[in-house]
C-alpha cells in the first residue's frame, strides 16, 4: 500500500460505538454518517475495538467472514444484521511490516465484533470499504500509545485508523430513561476533552490517577484504551483536534468522539 499514490492524509479517530440498539437511534446514526461524509473517503479502515483483547497483537480475517454477535439476550433482529465489508489483506501485510512480522499473530476466521460493525454500518452503510480489525494486546497505556505511533504512517497511505469504545463505560449505571448526566460524568467528559484537545500525552497515559471519578467512569478499562491508540497516531503531527459527536446516552455515558486531523 505504501508505494501507491495517496491524494490526502487520513485523520484518525476515536468513537463511541454503542450497543446494537444504536442501529435504532436515528439521531446517532445520522451523526455518525455525517461525520463519515465530512472525512476523506478511506482506502481501508484499521479497526481497534474494545471488544477484542488478545496478546500478542492479532489480525482478524482478511476476507469477508461472518460477524461476531458478542452480546446476549437481545431481540432476534440484532442477530440478523449483516455487514459484508471486504477484507484488507494488503493492509494486514503493511501492519505486519510496521509492527514486526514476528510480533503479530492472525485469526483468519475472526469476523468483526459489534464494536466494529455497529458504527461502520452507520458510517459506511454500503459496506464497500475494506476493513481489518486488530486486537488490543495490552492495557498498558504507554504500550498502547506507542502502538498508535507505530501505526501512524498508515494515515498517509489512505487508511482510517479507528479506535472504538466509550470514554465512560459503566453498564451498572446505564438507564433507558435517564435523567441528566451526573456531575461526575460531566467532569470526566470535560477532563477528557481538555486532554485530547491539547494532546496532553502525560495526562492521558496517567489517566487512572489524574481523571476525575475514574473508578466510577471505568470499572474496567477496555472501552477507554482505544482512545490512547488513536491519540498515539497523532502524537508527532501538528493538526487540529475536533469532537464531531458529543452528548450523553443512557445516563452518564458520554458519546464524545474525537478526530485527530
C-alpha atoms as a PDB file:
ATOM      1  CA  UNK A   1       0.000   0.000   0.000  1.00  0.00           C
ATOM      2  CA  UNK A   2       2.821   2.390   0.816  1.00  0.00           C
ATOM      3  CA  UNK A   3       4.034   2.667  -2.760  1.00  0.00           C
ATOM      4  CA  UNK A   4       0.672   3.798  -4.123  1.00  0.00           C
ATOM      5  CA  UNK A   5      -0.088   7.478  -4.591  1.00  0.00           C
ATOM      6  CA  UNK A   6      -2.451   8.804  -1.941  1.00  0.00           C
ATOM      7  CA  UNK A   7      -4.071  12.179  -2.505  1.00  0.00           C
ATOM      8  CA  UNK A   8      -4.854  13.054   1.088  1.00  0.00           C
ATOM      9  CA  UNK A   9      -3.729  12.092   4.572  1.00  0.00           C
ATOM     10  CA  UNK A  10      -6.497  10.487   6.610  1.00  0.00           C
ATOM     11  CA  UNK A  11      -7.453  11.563  10.104  1.00  0.00           C
ATOM     12  CA  UNK A  12      -7.505   9.080  12.936  1.00  0.00           C
ATOM     13  CA  UNK A  13     -10.496   8.820  15.228  1.00  0.00           C
ATOM     14  CA  UNK A  14     -11.908   7.526  18.466  1.00  0.00           C
ATOM     15  CA  UNK A  15     -15.648   6.944  18.526  1.00  0.00           C
ATOM     16  CA  UNK A  16     -18.284   5.814  20.993  1.00  0.00           C
ATOM     17  CA  UNK A  17     -19.746   2.747  19.362  1.00  0.00           C
ATOM     18  CA  UNK A  18     -22.890   1.996  21.334  1.00  0.00           C
ATOM     19  CA  UNK A  19     -24.692  -1.312  21.690  1.00  0.00           C
ATOM     20  CA  UNK A  20     -26.643  -2.908  18.829  1.00  0.00           C
ATOM     21  CA  UNK A  21     -29.533  -0.647  19.908  1.00  0.00           C
ATOM     22  CA  UNK A  22     -27.592   2.207  18.305  1.00  0.00           C
ATOM     23  CA  UNK A  23     -28.903   0.921  14.970  1.00  0.00           C
ATOM     24  CA  UNK A  24     -32.395   2.069  16.078  1.00  0.00           C
ATOM     25  CA  UNK A  25     -31.194   5.519  17.151  1.00  0.00           C
ATOM     26  CA  UNK A  26     -31.726   7.627  14.045  1.00  0.00           C
ATOM     27  CA  UNK A  27     -30.104  10.715  15.553  1.00  0.00           C
ATOM     28  CA  UNK A  28     -26.913   8.830  16.423  1.00  0.00           C
ATOM     29  CA  UNK A  29     -26.847   7.074  13.053  1.00  0.00           C
ATOM     30  CA  UNK A  30     -27.201  10.460  11.386  1.00  0.00           C
ATOM     31  CA  UNK A  31     -24.371  11.923  13.443  1.00  0.00           C
ATOM     32  CA  UNK A  32     -22.045   9.058  12.510  1.00  0.00           C
ATOM     33  CA  UNK A  33     -23.000   9.225   8.819  1.00  0.00           C
ATOM     34  CA  UNK A  34     -22.470  12.983   8.690  1.00  0.00           C
ATOM     35  CA  UNK A  35     -19.089  12.532  10.329  1.00  0.00           C
ATOM     36  CA  UNK A  36     -18.030   9.935   7.773  1.00  0.00           C
ATOM     37  CA  UNK A  37     -19.269  12.079   4.895  1.00  0.00           C
ATOM     38  CA  UNK A  38     -17.186  15.017   6.133  1.00  0.00           C
ATOM     39  CA  UNK A  39     -13.966  12.995   6.153  1.00  0.00           C
ATOM     40  CA  UNK A  40     -11.975  11.971   3.076  1.00  0.00           C
ATOM     41  CA  UNK A  41     -13.033   8.572   1.841  1.00  0.00           C
ATOM     42  CA  UNK A  42     -10.603   5.949   3.204  1.00  0.00           C
ATOM     43  CA  UNK A  43      -8.956   3.290   1.089  1.00  0.00           C
ATOM     44  CA  UNK A  44      -9.252   0.956   4.069  1.00  0.00           C
ATOM     45  CA  UNK A  45     -10.130   1.051   7.762  1.00  0.00           C
ATOM     46  CA  UNK A  46      -7.994  -0.300  10.587  1.00  0.00           C
ATOM     47  CA  UNK A  47     -10.324  -1.008  13.495  1.00  0.00           C
ATOM     48  CA  UNK A  48      -9.296  -1.267  17.153  1.00  0.00           C
ATOM     49  CA  UNK A  49     -12.406  -2.285  19.096  1.00  0.00           C
ATOM     50  CA  UNK A  50     -12.837  -2.528  22.861  1.00  0.00           C
ATOM     51  CA  UNK A  51     -14.313  -5.981  22.338  1.00  0.00           C
ATOM     52  CA  UNK A  52     -11.181  -7.780  21.235  1.00  0.00           C
ATOM     53  CA  UNK A  53      -8.334  -8.124  23.700  1.00  0.00           C
ATOM     54  CA  UNK A  54      -5.730 -10.687  22.731  1.00  0.00           C
ATOM     55  CA  UNK A  55      -1.996 -10.976  23.196  1.00  0.00           C
ATOM     56  CA  UNK A  56       0.142 -10.791  21.140  1.00  0.00           C
ATOM     57  CA  UNK A  57      -1.486  -8.316  18.798  1.00  0.00           C
ATOM     58  CA  UNK A  58      -3.563 -10.333  16.359  1.00  0.00           C
ATOM     59  CA  UNK A  59      -5.051  -9.554  12.961  1.00  0.00           C
ATOM     60  CA  UNK A  60      -8.609 -10.594  12.197  1.00  0.00           C
ATOM     61  CA  UNK A  61      -9.973 -12.001   8.971  1.00  0.00           C
ATOM     62  CA  UNK A  62      -8.584 -10.657   5.698  1.00  0.00           C
ATOM     63  CA  UNK A  63     -11.620 -11.954   3.786  1.00  0.00           C
ATOM     64  CA  UNK A  64     -15.330 -11.492   4.409  1.00  0.00           C
ATOM     65  CA  UNK A  65     -16.412 -13.891   7.175  1.00  0.00           C
ATOM     66  CA  UNK A  66     -19.490 -13.936   9.461  1.00  0.00           C
ATOM     67  CA  UNK A  67     -19.848 -11.227  12.081  1.00  0.00           C
ATOM     68  CA  UNK A  68     -19.403 -11.887  15.784  1.00  0.00           C
ATOM     69  CA  UNK A  69     -22.627 -11.226  17.693  1.00  0.00           C
ATOM     70  CA  UNK A  70     -20.902 -10.702  21.014  1.00  0.00           C
ATOM     71  CA  UNK A  71     -23.978  -9.825  23.069  1.00  0.00           C
ATOM     72  CA  UNK A  72     -26.701 -11.824  24.784  1.00  0.00           C
ATOM     73  CA  UNK A  73     -30.440 -11.615  25.316  1.00  0.00           C
ATOM     74  CA  UNK A  74     -31.165  -9.106  22.551  1.00  0.00           C
ATOM     75  CA  UNK A  75     -34.134  -9.352  20.156  1.00  0.00           C
ATOM     76  CA  UNK A  76     -33.549 -11.727  17.251  1.00  0.00           C
ATOM     77  CA  UNK A  77     -33.318  -8.964  14.644  1.00  0.00           C
ATOM     78  CA  UNK A  78     -29.949  -7.877  16.021  1.00  0.00           C
ATOM     79  CA  UNK A  79     -28.523 -11.327  15.280  1.00  0.00           C
ATOM     80  CA  UNK A  80     -29.609 -10.972  11.651  1.00  0.00           C
ATOM     81  CA  UNK A  81     -27.613  -7.786  10.993  1.00  0.00           C
ATOM     82  CA  UNK A  82     -25.127  -8.159   8.147  1.00  0.00           C
ATOM     83  CA  UNK A  83     -22.057  -6.120   7.268  1.00  0.00           C
ATOM     84  CA  UNK A  84     -20.103  -7.890   4.499  1.00  0.00           C
ATOM     85  CA  UNK A  85     -17.201  -5.443   4.278  1.00  0.00           C
ATOM     86  CA  UNK A  86     -14.327  -6.527   2.019  1.00  0.00           C
ATOM     87  CA  UNK A  87     -11.229  -7.838   3.726  1.00  0.00           C
ATOM     88  CA  UNK A  88      -7.978  -5.901   3.619  1.00  0.00           C
ATOM     89  CA  UNK A  89      -5.088  -8.343   3.024  1.00  0.00           C
ATOM     90  CA  UNK A  90      -2.748  -5.605   1.765  1.00  0.00           C
ATOM     91  CA  UNK A  91      -3.365  -3.611   4.921  1.00  0.00           C
ATOM     92  CA  UNK A  92      -2.664  -6.716   7.013  1.00  0.00           C
ATOM     93  CA  UNK A  93       0.691  -7.125   5.274  1.00  0.00           C
ATOM     94  CA  UNK A  94       1.513  -3.468   5.868  1.00  0.00           C
ATOM     95  CA  UNK A  95       0.631  -3.722   9.573  1.00  0.00           C
ATOM     96  CA  UNK A  96       2.988  -6.665   9.874  1.00  0.00           C
ATOM     97  CA  UNK A  97       5.736  -4.599   8.247  1.00  0.00           C
ATOM     98  CA  UNK A  98       5.207  -1.728  10.667  1.00  0.00           C
ATOM     99  CA  UNK A  99       4.949  -3.794  13.833  1.00  0.00           C
ATOM    100  CA  UNK A 100       7.337  -6.638  13.006  1.00  0.00           C
ATOM    101  CA  UNK A 101       6.152  -9.868  11.421  1.00  0.00           C
ATOM    102  CA  UNK A 102       7.309 -11.961  14.364  1.00  0.00           C
ATOM    103  CA  UNK A 103       5.216  -9.867  16.781  1.00  0.00           C
ATOM    104  CA  UNK A 104       1.856 -10.189  15.040  1.00  0.00           C
ATOM    105  CA  UNK A 105      -0.482 -13.167  15.092  1.00  0.00           C
ATOM    106  CA  UNK A 106      -3.509 -13.921  12.937  1.00  0.00           C
ATOM    107  CA  UNK A 107      -7.017 -15.252  13.439  1.00  0.00           C
ATOM    108  CA  UNK A 108      -8.281 -15.659   9.860  1.00  0.00           C
ATOM    109  CA  UNK A 109     -11.808 -16.678  10.863  1.00  0.00           C
ATOM    110  CA  UNK A 110     -12.475 -13.881  13.328  1.00  0.00           C
ATOM    111  CA  UNK A 111     -15.151 -11.575  11.990  1.00  0.00           C
ATOM    112  CA  UNK A 112     -15.945  -8.038  13.032  1.00  0.00           C
ATOM    113  CA  UNK A 113     -17.463  -7.672  16.516  1.00  0.00           C
ATOM    114  CA  UNK A 114     -20.221  -5.228  17.385  1.00  0.00           C
ATOM    115  CA  UNK A 115     -17.737  -2.555  18.440  1.00  0.00           C
ATOM    116  CA  UNK A 116     -16.632  -2.580  14.806  1.00  0.00           C
ATOM    117  CA  UNK A 117     -19.643  -3.284  12.633  1.00  0.00           C
ATOM    118  CA  UNK A 118     -22.262  -1.264  14.532  1.00  0.00           C
ATOM    119  CA  UNK A 119     -20.615   2.145  13.931  1.00  0.00           C
ATOM    120  CA  UNK A 120     -19.370   1.126  10.482  1.00  0.00           C
ATOM    121  CA  UNK A 121     -22.882   0.201   9.416  1.00  0.00           C
ATOM    122  CA  UNK A 122     -23.919   3.764  10.257  1.00  0.00           C
ATOM    123  CA  UNK A 123     -20.875   5.453   8.738  1.00  0.00           C
ATOM    124  CA  UNK A 124     -20.321   3.339   5.613  1.00  0.00           C
ATOM    125  CA  UNK A 125     -23.676   1.583   5.099  1.00  0.00           C
ATOM    126  CA  UNK A 126     -22.763   0.127   1.705  1.00  0.00           C
ATOM    127  CA  UNK A 127     -20.020  -1.969   3.344  1.00  0.00           C
ATOM    128  CA  UNK A 128     -17.748  -1.071   0.451  1.00  0.00           C
ATOM    129  CA  UNK A 129     -14.613  -0.025   2.362  1.00  0.00           C
ATOM    130  CA  UNK A 130     -12.112  -2.800   3.218  1.00  0.00           C
ATOM    131  CA  UNK A 131     -11.824  -3.342   6.965  1.00  0.00           C
ATOM    132  CA  UNK A 132      -9.141  -5.004   9.070  1.00  0.00           C
ATOM    133  CA  UNK A 133      -9.657  -5.455  12.804  1.00  0.00           C
ATOM    134  CA  UNK A 134      -6.704  -5.859  15.150  1.00  0.00           C
ATOM    135  CA  UNK A 135      -6.718  -6.913  18.770  1.00  0.00           C
ATOM    136  CA  UNK A 136      -5.809  -4.836  21.804  1.00  0.00           C
ATOM    137  CA  UNK A 137      -2.696  -6.617  23.110  1.00  0.00           C
ATOM    138  CA  UNK A 138      -2.369  -4.898  26.494  1.00  0.00           C
ATOM    139  CA  UNK A 139      -3.986  -2.399  28.830  1.00  0.00           C
ATOM    140  CA  UNK A 140      -0.685  -0.635  29.480  1.00  0.00           C
ATOM    141  CA  UNK A 141      -1.224   2.990  28.390  1.00  0.00           C
ATOM    142  CA  UNK A 142       2.370   3.639  27.305  1.00  0.00           C
ATOM    143  CA  UNK A 143       2.482   0.496  25.167  1.00  0.00           C
ATOM    144  CA  UNK A 144      -0.837   1.409  23.539  1.00  0.00           C
ATOM    145  CA  UNK A 145       0.369   4.936  22.820  1.00  0.00           C
ATOM    146  CA  UNK A 146       3.489   3.523  21.167  1.00  0.00           C
ATOM    147  CA  UNK A 147       1.310   1.146  19.150  1.00  0.00           C
ATOM    148  CA  UNK A 148      -0.532   4.167  17.809  1.00  0.00           C
ATOM    149  CA  UNK A 149       2.739   5.875  16.916  1.00  0.00           C
ATOM    150  CA  UNK A 150       3.898   2.760  15.069  1.00  0.00           C
ATOM    151  CA  UNK A 151       0.654   2.613  13.074  1.00  0.00           C
ATOM    152  CA  UNK A 152       0.622   6.344  12.286  1.00  0.00           C
ATOM    153  CA  UNK A 153       2.260   6.030   8.812  1.00  0.00           C
ATOM    154  CA  UNK A 154      -0.886   4.271   7.620  1.00  0.00           C
ATOM    155  CA  UNK A 155      -2.695   7.594   7.793  1.00  0.00           C
ATOM    156  CA  UNK A 156      -0.518   8.864   4.946  1.00  0.00           C
ATOM    157  CA  UNK A 157      -1.440   5.778   2.928  1.00  0.00           C
ATOM    158  CA  UNK A 158      -5.185   6.375   2.897  1.00  0.00           C
ATOM    159  CA  UNK A 159      -6.058   4.296   5.958  1.00  0.00           C
ATOM    160  CA  UNK A 160      -8.572   5.491   8.534  1.00  0.00           C
ATOM    161  CA  UNK A 161      -7.379   4.297  11.943  1.00  0.00           C
ATOM    162  CA  UNK A 162     -10.421   3.943  14.155  1.00  0.00           C
ATOM    163  CA  UNK A 163     -10.481   3.305  17.898  1.00  0.00           C
ATOM    164  CA  UNK A 164     -13.933   2.188  19.039  1.00  0.00           C
ATOM    165  CA  UNK A 165     -15.048   2.206  22.657  1.00  0.00           C
ATOM    166  CA  UNK A 166     -16.584   4.586  25.203  1.00  0.00           C
ATOM    167  CA  UNK A 167     -14.831   7.244  27.259  1.00  0.00           C
ATOM    168  CA  UNK A 168     -17.198   6.390  30.116  1.00  0.00           C
ATOM    169  CA  UNK A 169     -18.406   2.795  30.383  1.00  0.00           C
ATOM    170  CA  UNK A 170     -20.291   1.645  33.469  1.00  0.00           C
ATOM    171  CA  UNK A 171     -23.198  -0.572  32.446  1.00  0.00           C
ATOM    172  CA  UNK A 172     -24.456  -0.841  36.017  1.00  0.00           C
ATOM    173  CA  UNK A 173     -25.406   2.825  35.742  1.00  0.00           C
ATOM    174  CA  UNK A 174     -26.996   2.593  32.276  1.00  0.00           C
ATOM    175  CA  UNK A 175     -30.631   3.682  32.073  1.00  0.00           C
ATOM    176  CA  UNK A 176     -33.054   3.608  29.177  1.00  0.00           C
ATOM    177  CA  UNK A 177     -34.905   6.512  30.822  1.00  0.00           C
ATOM    178  CA  UNK A 178     -32.048   8.635  32.118  1.00  0.00           C
ATOM    179  CA  UNK A 179     -32.141  11.979  33.783  1.00  0.00           C
ATOM    180  CA  UNK A 180     -29.371  14.475  33.055  1.00  0.00           C
ATOM    181  CA  UNK A 181     -25.816  13.179  33.192  1.00  0.00           C
ATOM    182  CA  UNK A 182     -24.467  13.356  36.770  1.00  0.00           C
ATOM    183  CA  UNK A 183     -21.879  15.926  37.726  1.00  0.00           C
ATOM    184  CA  UNK A 184     -19.058  13.381  37.946  1.00  0.00           C
ATOM    185  CA  UNK A 185     -19.718  12.308  34.335  1.00  0.00           C
ATOM    186  CA  UNK A 186     -19.607  15.907  33.143  1.00  0.00           C
ATOM    187  CA  UNK A 187     -16.334  16.408  34.996  1.00  0.00           C
ATOM    188  CA  UNK A 188     -14.817  13.310  33.419  1.00  0.00           C
ATOM    189  CA  UNK A 189     -16.043  14.365  29.974  1.00  0.00           C
ATOM    190  CA  UNK A 190     -14.600  17.869  30.410  1.00  0.00           C
ATOM    191  CA  UNK A 191     -11.279  16.445  31.589  1.00  0.00           C
ATOM    192  CA  UNK A 192     -11.029  14.116  28.584  1.00  0.00           C
ATOM    193  CA  UNK A 193     -11.989  16.905  26.192  1.00  0.00           C
ATOM    194  CA  UNK A 194      -9.200  19.115  27.507  1.00  0.00           C
ATOM    195  CA  UNK A 195      -6.621  16.313  27.398  1.00  0.00           C
ATOM    196  CA  UNK A 196      -7.416  15.392  23.807  1.00  0.00           C
ATOM    197  CA  UNK A 197      -7.691  18.993  22.636  1.00  0.00           C
ATOM    198  CA  UNK A 198      -4.194  19.727  23.952  1.00  0.00           C
ATOM    199  CA  UNK A 199      -2.895  16.258  23.032  1.00  0.00           C
ATOM    200  CA  UNK A 200      -1.572  16.024  26.575  1.00  0.00           C
ATOM    201  CA  UNK A 201       0.081  12.610  26.414  1.00  0.00           C
ATOM    202  CA  UNK A 202       1.364  12.771  30.005  1.00  0.00           C
ATOM    203  CA  UNK A 203      -2.141  13.256  31.390  1.00  0.00           C
ATOM    204  CA  UNK A 204      -3.685  10.638  29.126  1.00  0.00           C
ATOM    205  CA  UNK A 205      -1.119   7.992  29.968  1.00  0.00           C
ATOM    206  CA  UNK A 206      -1.702   8.649  33.667  1.00  0.00           C
ATOM    207  CA  UNK A 207      -5.499   8.827  33.355  1.00  0.00           C
ATOM    208  CA  UNK A 208      -6.024   6.206  36.092  1.00  0.00           C
ATOM    209  CA  UNK A 209      -4.760   8.654  38.687  1.00  0.00           C
ATOM    210  CA  UNK A 210      -5.499  12.020  37.041  1.00  0.00           C
ATOM    211  CA  UNK A 211      -9.002  11.673  35.573  1.00  0.00           C
ATOM    212  CA  UNK A 212     -11.797  12.717  37.961  1.00  0.00           C
ATOM    213  CA  UNK A 213     -14.149   9.937  39.101  1.00  0.00           C
ATOM    214  CA  UNK A 214     -12.214   7.427  37.025  1.00  0.00           C
ATOM    215  CA  UNK A 215     -13.212   4.470  39.207  1.00  0.00           C
ATOM    216  CA  UNK A 216     -16.892   5.242  38.671  1.00  0.00           C
ATOM    217  CA  UNK A 217     -16.484   6.063  34.984  1.00  0.00           C
ATOM    218  CA  UNK A 218     -14.414   2.981  34.237  1.00  0.00           C
ATOM    219  CA  UNK A 219     -14.922  -0.081  36.448  1.00  0.00           C
ATOM    220  CA  UNK A 220     -12.989  -1.796  33.646  1.00  0.00           C
ATOM    221  CA  UNK A 221     -10.760  -0.078  31.122  1.00  0.00           C
ATOM    222  CA  UNK A 222     -11.132  -1.850  27.765  1.00  0.00           C
ATOM    223  CA  UNK A 223     -13.577   0.735  26.380  1.00  0.00           C
ATOM    224  CA  UNK A 224     -11.350   3.712  27.171  1.00  0.00           C
ATOM    225  CA  UNK A 225      -8.000   2.449  25.973  1.00  0.00           C
ATOM    226  CA  UNK A 226      -8.672   2.532  22.202  1.00  0.00           C
ATOM    227  CA  UNK A 227      -8.587   6.321  22.631  1.00  0.00           C
ATOM    228  CA  UNK A 228      -4.945   6.034  23.684  1.00  0.00           C
ATOM    229  CA  UNK A 229      -4.043   4.222  20.453  1.00  0.00           C
ATOM    230  CA  UNK A 230      -5.891   6.875  18.471  1.00  0.00           C
ATOM    231  CA  UNK A 231      -4.019   9.746  20.107  1.00  0.00           C
ATOM    232  CA  UNK A 232      -0.755   7.886  19.644  1.00  0.00           C
ATOM    233  CA  UNK A 233      -1.290   8.073  15.896  1.00  0.00           C
ATOM    234  CA  UNK A 234      -1.405  11.862  16.201  1.00  0.00           C
ATOM    235  CA  UNK A 235       1.422  12.424  18.661  1.00  0.00           C
ATOM    236  CA  UNK A 236       4.003  13.579  16.116  1.00  0.00           C
ATOM    237  CA  UNK A 237       1.677  15.687  13.975  1.00  0.00           C
ATOM    238  CA  UNK A 238       0.589  19.306  14.064  1.00  0.00           C
ATOM    239  CA  UNK A 239      -3.102  19.096  13.244  1.00  0.00           C
ATOM    240  CA  UNK A 240      -6.490  20.116  14.586  1.00  0.00           C
ATOM    241  CA  UNK A 241      -8.400  18.077  17.127  1.00  0.00           C
ATOM    242  CA  UNK A 242     -12.199  18.143  16.855  1.00  0.00           C
ATOM    243  CA  UNK A 243     -15.161  16.464  18.550  1.00  0.00           C
ATOM    244  CA  UNK A 244     -17.697  15.540  15.857  1.00  0.00           C
ATOM    245  CA  UNK A 245     -20.162  13.902  18.263  1.00  0.00           C
ATOM    246  CA  UNK A 246     -20.913  14.951  21.833  1.00  0.00           C
ATOM    247  CA  UNK A 247     -23.684  14.492  24.379  1.00  0.00           C
ATOM    248  CA  UNK A 248     -24.691  11.641  26.671  1.00  0.00           C
ATOM    249  CA  UNK A 249     -26.617   8.401  26.302  1.00  0.00           C
ATOM    250  CA  UNK A 250     -28.012   6.040  28.919  1.00  0.00           C
ATOM    251  CA  UNK A 251     -27.303   8.486  31.733  1.00  0.00           C
ATOM    252  CA  UNK A 252     -23.575   9.021  32.376  1.00  0.00           C
ATOM    253  CA  UNK A 253     -22.173   7.599  29.124  1.00  0.00           C
ATOM    254  CA  UNK A 254     -20.612  10.324  27.033  1.00  0.00           C
ATOM    255  CA  UNK A 255     -20.913   9.927  23.277  1.00  0.00           C
ATOM    256  CA  UNK A 256     -17.905  12.208  22.818  1.00  0.00           C
ATOM    257  CA  UNK A 257     -15.904  11.154  19.802  1.00  0.00           C
ATOM    258  CA  UNK A 258     -12.562  12.582  18.755  1.00  0.00           C
ATOM    259  CA  UNK A 259     -10.987  13.291  15.382  1.00  0.00           C
ATOM    260  CA  UNK A 260      -7.266  13.946  15.009  1.00  0.00           C
ATOM    261  CA  UNK A 261      -6.558  15.750  11.759  1.00  0.00           C
END
